[in-house]
Protein backbone atom coordinates (compact mmCIF):
# COMPACT_ATOMS: atom_id res chain seq x y z
CA MET A 1 -33.24 16.89 60.78
CA SER A 2 -30.10 18.83 61.92
CA GLY A 3 -28.59 21.53 59.58
CA ALA A 4 -25.72 19.24 58.49
CA GLU A 5 -27.85 16.59 57.16
CA PRO A 6 -29.27 18.55 54.27
CA ALA A 7 -25.63 19.70 53.53
CA LEU A 8 -24.34 16.25 53.52
CA ILE A 9 -27.36 15.11 51.28
CA ALA A 10 -26.55 18.16 48.80
CA ALA A 11 -22.82 17.35 48.91
CA PHE A 12 -23.50 13.49 48.04
CA ALA A 13 -25.98 14.59 45.26
CA ALA A 14 -23.38 17.10 43.70
CA ALA A 15 -20.73 14.21 43.94
CA GLY A 16 -23.17 11.86 42.24
CA SER A 17 -23.81 14.38 39.68
CA THR A 18 -20.27 15.09 39.02
CA ALA A 19 -19.48 11.30 38.85
CA ALA A 20 -22.25 10.81 36.41
CA SER A 21 -21.12 13.60 34.30
CA VAL A 22 -17.52 12.35 34.10
CA VAL A 23 -18.76 8.92 33.11
CA GLN A 24 -20.98 10.34 30.35
CA GLY A 25 -18.09 12.46 29.16
CA GLN A 26 -15.96 9.54 28.72
CA GLN A 27 -18.77 7.61 26.89
CA GLN A 28 -18.98 10.54 24.56
CA MET A 29 -15.24 10.63 24.06
CA ARG A 30 -15.17 7.00 23.17
CA ALA A 31 -18.24 7.39 20.88
CA GLN A 32 -16.39 10.27 19.17
CA LYS A 33 -13.15 8.21 18.73
CA ARG A 34 -15.19 5.35 17.44
CA ALA A 35 -16.81 7.58 14.94
CA SER A 36 -13.51 9.17 13.84
CA ARG A 37 -12.12 5.67 13.27
CA GLN A 38 -15.11 4.65 11.17
CA ALA A 39 -14.86 7.73 9.19
CA ALA A 40 -11.15 7.20 8.42
CA ARG A 41 -12.00 3.63 7.36
CA GLN A 42 -14.67 4.94 5.01
CA ALA A 43 -12.37 7.57 3.54
CA GLU A 44 -9.81 4.94 2.96
CA SER A 45 -12.14 2.64 1.32
CA ALA A 46 -13.50 5.30 -0.93
CA GLN A 47 -9.86 6.32 -1.99
CA ARG A 48 -9.08 2.69 -2.89
CA GLN A 49 -12.37 2.42 -4.91
CA ALA A 50 -11.60 5.76 -6.63
CA GLN A 51 -8.00 4.33 -7.47
CA ARG A 52 -9.54 1.28 -8.85
CA GLU A 53 -11.88 3.08 -11.00
CA PHE A 54 -9.07 5.35 -12.31
CA ASN A 55 -6.85 2.44 -13.10
CA ALA A 56 -9.80 0.64 -14.95
CA ALA A 57 -10.48 3.75 -17.12
CA ASN A 58 -6.73 4.52 -17.81
CA GLN A 59 -5.47 1.01 -18.58
CA LYS A 60 -2.25 0.97 -20.44
CA ALA A 61 -2.00 -1.12 -23.59
CA PRO A 62 1.15 -2.78 -25.13
CA ASP A 63 2.65 -1.27 -28.29
CA ILE A 64 2.06 -4.35 -30.44
CA ALA A 65 3.96 -2.91 -33.41
CA ALA A 66 7.03 -2.02 -31.49
CA LEU A 67 7.10 -5.54 -30.03
CA MET A 68 6.66 -7.16 -33.48
CA LYS A 69 9.45 -4.92 -34.92
CA ARG A 70 11.74 -5.77 -32.11
CA ASN A 71 11.11 -9.53 -32.45
CA ARG A 72 11.55 -9.42 -36.18
CA ALA A 73 15.00 -7.74 -35.74
CA MET A 74 16.09 -10.17 -32.99
CA GLY A 75 15.07 -13.08 -35.29
CA SER A 76 17.06 -11.76 -38.20
CA GLY A 77 20.37 -12.56 -36.28
CA GLY A 78 19.79 -16.34 -36.46
CA ILE A 79 20.59 -18.81 -33.67
CA SER A 80 23.29 -16.55 -32.27
CA GLY A 81 21.16 -13.43 -32.23
CA THR A 82 20.31 -13.22 -28.39
CA TYR A 83 20.58 -10.54 -25.72
CA LEU A 84 23.57 -12.16 -24.09
CA THR A 85 25.88 -12.67 -27.04
CA GLY A 86 24.77 -10.82 -29.99
CA ALA A 87 25.04 -11.82 -33.61
CA GLY A 88 28.61 -12.79 -33.39
CA GLY A 89 28.41 -15.22 -30.52
CA VAL A 90 30.89 -15.09 -27.63
CA SER A 91 34.23 -13.85 -28.34
CA PRO A 92 37.13 -16.53 -27.51
CA ARG A 93 39.41 -13.88 -26.00
CA PRO A 94 41.81 -14.75 -23.15
CA GLY A 95 40.54 -13.57 -19.71
CA MET A 96 37.10 -14.94 -19.59
CA LEU A 97 37.53 -16.69 -16.41
CA GLY A 98 40.77 -18.00 -17.45
CA ARG A 99 39.36 -19.95 -20.36
CA THR A 100 39.77 -19.38 -24.02
CA THR A 101 37.07 -21.77 -25.27
CA LEU A 102 33.19 -21.62 -24.83
CA LEU A 103 31.44 -23.30 -21.97
CA GLY A 104 34.64 -24.05 -20.13
CA SER A 105 35.70 -26.95 -22.29
């Protein structure tokens, strides 16, 4: 063996070692990204579950008494007691789309 051969062997070994460590570093980086994405998914899932539990514990209930009171007040206006016209019905004033009668007749 000449003096150049051991140097070449050492250079190839160093290059192989460097290539192996680069590949290993890339694999570790991919594994770290994968773990990071998994942790983000788990955190999001935990947040959604906490929101569901909070909503279940703090359900809103309708105010039945107020609804009944409003319905009774609305019903006392008779047939014409609606949100649209009120108790007096539609006023036959001029300017309502050019007509002075109800329902365009």
